[in-house]
Amino acid sequence: MIVTRNPVLNVDMNVKAMAQTIVQAHQSALALPVPPQAQALKGDADDMVFAAALLAGHDLGFVPADALCLAQAWSRQALRTGEFHPEQWPTEPIDFGLAPWPRPNAFAPCPAALGLYAVMPDAAWTIHMARAGVPTVQLRFKSMDAAAVRAEVFSAVAGVEGTGARLFINDHWQLAIEAGAYGVHLGQEDLQAMTPAGLKAIKDAGLRLGLSTHGYAEMLIADQHSPSYIAMGAVFPTTLKQMATAPQGTGRLAVYSRMLRDYPRVAIGGIDLGKLPEVLKADVGSVGVVRALMAADDLDAAVATWNAALAPA
């Protein structure tokens, strides 16, 4: 398929054909087959690649902001290689505008593989998980009672001491600094509410920063802050939290993971032991779990099983 420039991209049949080629190549759970011989671009055709990828992104179910990020990356990929590969899903960080590593402004690093990551609703559960051998835990305590929040944060920090668990505090970053937690985790809304001074305080205190994302646009926002890790979800449907976006699935998780290869990556959302092998094929070093651990009849045995499954090969 050799294309030439056409200023009326929204009605150009070649663009629609290009978009359909992309959709056909990736619509089955975003499987990535070995690409056939690439088709050379002639002339200034990057605008057509952008338009075709944008149409394909919408047809594949990406929200508008993510479809736009994907179209820009596909266009950059075509410009960089001089060719249009409909089967070659963009995964190079440079094509998404990500800066190279190492970065002088990055938050303190954490291990590339955070392993089993338990996200718990209160200090008691958080401590319980740490003492059962979960290597990474998060206190996600939601309350408007400032005294209760303070008590939970300090209790969690004290309770995990000596267990070896890495404790992240969700949202309450000032208390996390004061209590001496390992790190802070922020959702996208929390991140938007943060001031530059607040983020600097977390960094200057040496705490790690984890950020939640739910697609390309949020990943690019997260990357601007050079966090310690990036969480990607929800992979599967979950009833524990109201999600603004549909479940991403393991196909998208895999291509997200390749783009974010320079970060420790946490997959989260509806993951149980039965789904874990497919999730791990996406090359993530950590899996966030809530219900599958809290509902375990024998927590110690469950944690041992999860840790063994997540152990580096």
Protein backbone atom coordinates (compact mmCIF):
# COMPACT_ATOMS: atom_id res chain seq x y z
CA MET A 1 0.00 0.00 0.00
CA ILE A 2 1.85 3.09 -1.23
CA VAL A 3 0.22 6.29 -0.08
CA THR A 4 0.59 9.89 -1.11
CA ARG A 5 -0.29 13.04 0.74
CA ASN A 6 -3.90 14.14 0.68
CA PRO A 7 -5.03 17.20 2.68
CA VAL A 8 -8.60 15.88 3.03
CA LEU A 9 -7.56 13.09 5.38
CA ASN A 10 -10.90 12.54 7.05
CA VAL A 11 -12.48 11.34 3.79
CA ASP A 12 -9.46 9.75 2.11
CA MET A 13 -10.14 6.09 1.34
CA ASN A 14 -6.44 5.23 1.57
CA VAL A 15 -6.43 6.48 5.13
CA LYS A 16 -9.48 4.38 5.93
CA ALA A 17 -7.83 1.37 4.34
CA MET A 18 -4.70 1.95 6.43
CA ALA A 19 -6.83 2.23 9.56
CA GLN A 20 -8.64 -1.01 8.75
CA THR A 21 -5.32 -2.77 8.22
CA ILE A 22 -4.21 -1.70 11.69
CA VAL A 23 -7.49 -2.78 13.26
CA GLN A 24 -7.41 -6.19 11.58
CA ALA A 25 -3.84 -6.74 12.75
CA HIS A 26 -4.55 -5.94 16.41
CA GLN A 27 -8.23 -6.38 17.18
CA SER A 28 -7.80 -9.85 18.68
CA ALA A 29 -6.73 -8.79 22.19
CA LEU A 30 -4.02 -6.67 20.60
CA ALA A 31 -2.04 -9.74 19.62
CA LEU A 32 1.13 -8.75 17.82
CA PRO A 33 1.92 -11.11 14.92
CA VAL A 34 5.24 -11.08 13.11
CA PRO A 35 4.94 -8.20 10.63
CA PRO A 36 5.12 -8.92 6.92
CA GLN A 37 7.39 -6.96 4.62
CA ALA A 38 6.93 -3.29 5.44
CA GLN A 39 5.38 -0.92 2.96
CA ALA A 40 7.50 2.10 2.06
CA LEU A 41 6.12 5.56 2.54
CA LYS A 42 6.37 7.93 -0.38
CA GLY A 43 6.64 11.65 0.12
CA ASP A 44 5.23 13.46 3.13
CA ALA A 45 2.78 10.81 4.27
CA ASP A 46 3.17 11.08 8.04
CA ASP A 47 -0.11 12.99 8.19
CA MET A 48 -1.88 10.00 6.68
CA VAL A 49 -0.27 7.60 9.15
CA PHE A 50 -1.45 9.86 11.97
CA ALA A 51 -4.99 9.98 10.59
CA ALA A 52 -5.14 6.23 9.97
CA ALA A 53 -3.79 5.41 13.43
CA LEU A 54 -6.24 7.83 15.03
CA LEU A 55 -9.17 6.15 13.27
CA ALA A 56 -7.82 2.71 14.19
CA GLY A 57 -7.34 3.72 17.83
CA HIS A 58 -10.98 4.75 18.10
CA ASP A 59 -12.12 1.57 16.35
CA LEU A 60 -10.04 -0.54 18.76
CA GLY A 61 -11.84 1.04 21.71
CA PHE A 62 -9.26 3.48 23.02
CA VAL A 63 -10.65 6.60 24.69
CA PRO A 64 -10.03 9.78 22.63
CA ALA A 65 -7.01 10.97 24.65
CA ASP A 66 -5.32 7.57 24.35
CA ALA A 67 -6.15 7.27 20.64
CA LEU A 68 -4.49 10.65 20.10
CA CYS A 69 -1.32 9.60 21.95
CA LEU A 70 -1.21 6.40 19.94
CA ALA A 71 -1.66 8.21 16.62
CA GLN A 72 1.16 10.61 17.46
CA ALA A 73 3.43 7.69 18.35
CA TRP A 74 2.60 5.82 15.16
CA SER A 75 3.33 8.92 13.12
CA ARG A 76 6.68 9.42 14.88
CA GLN A 77 7.51 5.75 14.32
CA ALA A 78 6.84 6.12 10.59
CA LEU A 79 8.97 9.27 10.40
CA ARG A 80 11.79 7.63 12.34
CA THR A 81 11.88 4.45 10.26
CA GLY A 82 10.72 5.90 6.94
CA GLU A 83 8.15 3.11 6.65
CA PHE A 84 4.59 2.28 7.68
CA HIS A 85 4.29 -1.07 9.45
CA PRO A 86 0.60 -1.76 10.13
CA GLU A 87 1.43 -4.82 12.26
CA GLN A 88 4.17 -3.12 14.29
CA TRP A 89 2.44 -1.58 17.27
CA PRO A 90 4.45 1.42 18.58
CA THR A 91 6.28 0.55 21.79
CA GLU A 92 9.50 2.57 21.58
CA PRO A 93 9.58 5.19 24.37
CA ILE A 94 11.03 7.80 22.00
CA ASP A 95 7.98 7.54 19.73
CA PHE A 96 5.74 8.51 22.66
CA GLY A 97 7.96 11.46 23.57
CA LEU A 98 9.44 9.83 26.68
CA ALA A 99 12.79 11.21 27.78
CA PRO A 100 15.73 8.80 28.04
CA TRP A 101 17.06 7.42 31.32
CA PRO A 102 18.85 8.05 33.63
CA ARG A 103 17.19 11.33 34.63
CA PRO A 104 18.59 13.77 37.16
CA ASN A 105 15.12 14.81 38.34
CA ALA A 106 13.82 11.29 39.06
CA PHE A 107 12.35 10.18 42.36
CA ALA A 108 14.27 7.71 44.50
CA PRO A 109 14.43 4.31 42.79
CA CYS A 110 12.81 1.12 43.98
CA PRO A 111 13.46 -2.48 42.87
CA ALA A 112 12.52 -3.29 39.30
CA ALA A 113 10.48 -6.21 40.63
CA LEU A 114 8.33 -5.17 43.58
CA GLY A 115 6.74 -8.62 43.62
CA LEU A 116 3.41 -9.22 45.31
CA TYR A 117 1.89 -5.84 46.15
CA ALA A 118 -0.99 -5.85 48.65
CA VAL A 119 -3.22 -2.76 48.65
CA MET A 120 -5.06 -2.70 51.97
CA PRO A 121 -7.86 -0.55 53.44
CA ASP A 122 -6.44 -0.03 56.92
CA ALA A 123 -3.33 -0.40 59.05
CA ALA A 124 -4.37 -3.72 60.59
CA TRP A 125 -4.70 -5.41 57.22
CA THR A 126 -1.50 -3.75 55.97
CA ILE A 127 0.46 -5.04 58.95
CA HIS A 128 -1.13 -8.47 58.60
CA MET A 129 0.05 -8.70 55.00
CA ALA A 130 3.58 -7.54 55.81
CA ARG A 131 3.92 -10.07 58.61
CA ALA A 132 2.65 -12.82 56.30
CA GLY A 133 5.54 -12.13 53.94
CA VAL A 134 4.10 -9.76 51.32
CA PRO A 135 7.14 -7.81 50.06
CA THR A 136 5.31 -4.60 49.08
CA VAL A 137 2.24 -3.18 50.82
CA GLN A 138 0.14 -0.06 50.49
CA LEU A 139 -2.09 1.59 53.05
CA ARG A 140 -5.10 2.99 51.21
CA PHE A 141 -7.10 4.40 54.09
CA LYS A 142 -9.94 6.72 53.11
CA SER A 143 -11.39 8.98 55.79
CA MET A 144 -12.26 12.63 56.39
CA ASP A 145 -11.17 12.26 60.03
CA ALA A 146 -7.66 13.75 60.19
CA ALA A 147 -6.90 12.16 63.55
CA ALA A 148 -7.93 8.72 62.30
CA VAL A 149 -5.80 9.10 59.17
CA ARG A 150 -2.79 10.10 61.23
CA ALA A 151 -3.24 7.16 63.58
CA GLU A 152 -3.55 4.70 60.69
CA VAL A 153 -0.44 5.97 58.90
CA PHE A 154 1.77 5.92 62.00
CA SER A 155 0.38 2.53 63.06
CA ALA A 156 1.13 1.05 59.64
CA VAL A 157 4.68 2.40 59.56
CA ALA A 158 5.41 1.08 63.05
CA GLY A 159 3.68 -2.23 62.40
CA VAL A 160 5.64 -3.19 59.28
CA GLU A 161 8.99 -2.32 60.84
CA GLY A 162 11.24 -5.34 60.90
CA THR A 163 9.21 -7.29 58.33
CA GLY A 164 11.23 -6.15 55.34
CA ALA A 165 8.09 -5.01 53.56
CA ARG A 166 8.14 -1.81 51.53
CA LEU A 167 5.26 0.40 52.72
CA PHE A 168 3.64 2.94 50.43
CA ILE A 169 1.06 5.38 51.78
CA ASN A 170 -1.76 6.26 49.42
CA ASP A 171 -2.40 10.00 49.11
CA HIS A 172 -1.40 11.18 52.61
CA TRP A 173 2.09 12.27 51.60
CA GLN A 174 2.77 14.72 54.44
CA LEU A 175 2.10 12.02 57.02
CA ALA A 176 4.12 9.51 55.00
CA ILE A 177 7.13 11.84 55.20
CA GLU A 178 6.61 12.53 58.90
CA ALA A 179 6.17 8.87 59.82
CA GLY A 180 9.07 7.67 57.68
CA ALA A 181 7.27 5.45 55.18
CA TYR A 182 9.09 3.86 52.24
CA GLY A 183 7.05 5.73 49.67
CA VAL A 184 3.89 7.47 48.55
CA HIS A 185 1.36 6.34 45.97
CA LEU A 186 -0.84 8.82 44.12
CA GLY A 187 -3.78 8.28 41.81
CA GLN A 188 -4.29 10.56 38.84
CA GLU A 189 -6.70 12.86 40.69
CA ASP A 190 -4.33 13.05 43.65
CA LEU A 191 -1.47 13.85 41.27
CA GLN A 192 -3.45 16.64 39.63
CA ALA A 193 -4.15 18.12 43.06
CA MET A 194 -0.47 18.08 44.04
CA THR A 195 1.57 21.27 43.91
CA PRO A 196 5.15 21.33 42.63
CA ALA A 197 6.19 22.11 46.21
CA GLY A 198 4.46 18.97 47.47
CA LEU A 199 6.12 16.74 44.91
CA LYS A 200 9.47 18.33 45.71
CA ALA A 201 8.94 17.64 49.41
CA ILE A 202 8.37 13.94 48.70
CA LYS A 203 11.48 13.81 46.52
CA ASP A 204 13.65 15.77 48.94
CA ALA A 205 12.62 13.43 51.79
CA GLY A 206 13.89 10.48 49.74
CA LEU A 207 10.53 8.74 49.55
CA ARG A 208 9.63 6.73 46.48
CA LEU A 209 6.68 7.79 44.36
CA GLY A 210 4.29 5.43 42.63
CA LEU A 211 1.62 6.65 40.21
CA SER A 212 -1.58 5.03 38.95
CA THR A 213 -2.39 5.06 35.22
CA HIS A 214 -5.25 3.80 33.08
CA GLY A 215 -4.01 4.31 29.53
CA TYR A 216 -1.53 6.10 27.30
CA ALA A 217 -2.48 9.70 28.17
CA GLU A 218 -2.14 9.12 31.91
CA MET A 219 1.11 7.22 31.41
CA LEU A 220 2.61 10.16 29.56
CA ILE A 221 1.48 12.48 32.36
CA ALA A 222 3.03 10.17 34.94
CA ASP A 223 6.28 9.99 32.97
CA GLN A 224 6.66 13.76 33.15
CA HIS A 225 7.26 13.36 36.90
CA SER A 226 9.81 10.49 36.60
CA PRO A 227 8.25 8.43 39.42
CA SER A 228 9.75 5.38 41.09
CA TYR A 229 7.21 3.03 39.52
CA ILE A 230 4.08 3.15 37.39
CA ALA A 231 0.96 1.10 38.09
CA MET A 232 -1.16 0.02 35.11
CA GLY A 233 -4.81 -0.94 35.45
CA ALA A 234 -7.40 -2.04 35.74
CA VAL A 235 -6.29 -5.15 33.86
CA PHE A 236 -9.53 -7.04 34.56
CA PRO A 237 -12.95 -5.97 35.88
CA THR A 238 -12.93 -5.12 39.57
CA THR A 239 -15.72 -4.30 41.99
CA LEU A 240 -13.45 -2.78 44.61
CA LYS A 241 -13.15 0.62 42.97
CA GLN A 242 -15.27 2.59 40.53
CA MET A 243 -13.22 2.84 37.35
CA ALA A 244 -13.61 5.64 34.80
CA THR A 245 -12.14 3.47 32.04
CA ALA A 246 -12.91 -0.03 30.84
CA PRO A 247 -10.59 -2.90 31.82
CA GLN A 248 -7.41 -2.76 29.75
CA GLY A 249 -6.83 -6.48 29.24
CA THR A 250 -3.52 -8.29 28.97
CA GLY A 251 -2.99 -7.34 25.33
CA ARG A 252 -2.87 -3.64 26.13
CA LEU A 253 -0.93 -4.37 29.31
CA ALA A 254 1.80 -5.98 27.22
CA VAL A 255 2.23 -3.04 24.86
CA TYR A 256 2.07 -0.55 27.74
CA SER A 257 4.76 -2.53 29.53
CA ARG A 258 7.08 -2.40 26.51
CA MET A 259 6.68 1.36 26.25
CA LEU A 260 7.38 1.75 30.00
CA ARG A 261 10.27 -0.73 29.98
CA ASP A 262 12.55 1.69 31.87
CA TYR A 263 10.19 1.75 34.89
CA PRO A 264 9.30 -0.81 37.52
CA ARG A 265 5.77 -1.78 36.47
CA VAL A 266 2.83 -2.88 38.60
CA ALA A 267 -0.22 -4.55 37.05
CA ILE A 268 -3.39 -4.19 39.11
CA GLY A 269 -7.11 -4.83 38.90
CA GLY A 270 -9.04 -8.08 39.19
CA ILE A 271 -5.94 -10.31 39.15
CA ASP A 272 -6.09 -13.73 40.80
CA LEU A 273 -3.81 -16.77 40.66
CA GLY A 274 -5.68 -18.19 37.69
CA LYS A 275 -5.08 -15.05 35.64
CA LEU A 276 -1.53 -14.46 36.89
CA PRO A 277 0.36 -16.46 34.21
CA GLU A 278 -1.20 -14.40 31.41
CA VAL A 279 -0.45 -11.17 33.29
CA LEU A 280 3.19 -12.14 33.77
CA LYS A 281 3.58 -12.64 30.01
CA ALA A 282 3.26 -8.85 29.79
CA ASP A 283 6.67 -8.57 31.53
CA VAL A 284 5.59 -6.80 34.70
CA GLY A 285 7.63 -7.16 37.87
CA SER A 286 4.79 -6.68 40.31
CA VAL A 287 1.10 -7.45 40.70
CA GLY A 288 -1.26 -5.47 42.88
CA VAL A 289 -3.74 -7.65 44.76
CA VAL A 290 -6.59 -6.88 47.13
CA ARG A 291 -9.52 -9.30 47.19
CA ALA A 292 -7.54 -12.47 46.36
CA LEU A 293 -5.48 -11.99 49.54
CA MET A 294 -8.14 -10.64 51.89
CA ALA A 295 -10.44 -13.56 51.04
CA ALA A 296 -7.76 -16.24 51.53
CA ASP A 297 -8.62 -18.93 54.09
CA ASP A 298 -4.93 -19.43 54.87
CA LEU A 299 -3.12 -16.14 54.28
CA ASP A 300 0.38 -17.48 54.93
CA ALA A 301 -0.10 -20.26 52.41
CA ALA A 302 -1.66 -17.89 49.88
CA VAL A 303 1.19 -15.40 50.19
CA ALA A 304 3.76 -18.19 49.79
CA THR A 305 2.00 -19.35 46.61
CA TRP A 306 1.88 -15.83 45.17
CA ASN A 307 5.52 -15.12 46.08
CA ALA A 308 6.64 -18.34 44.41
CA ALA A 309 4.69 -17.51 41.27
CA LEU A 310 6.17 -14.00 41.13
CA ALA A 311 9.74 -15.05 41.91
CA PRO A 312 12.21 -14.16 39.11
CA ALA A 313 12.87 -17.12 36.83
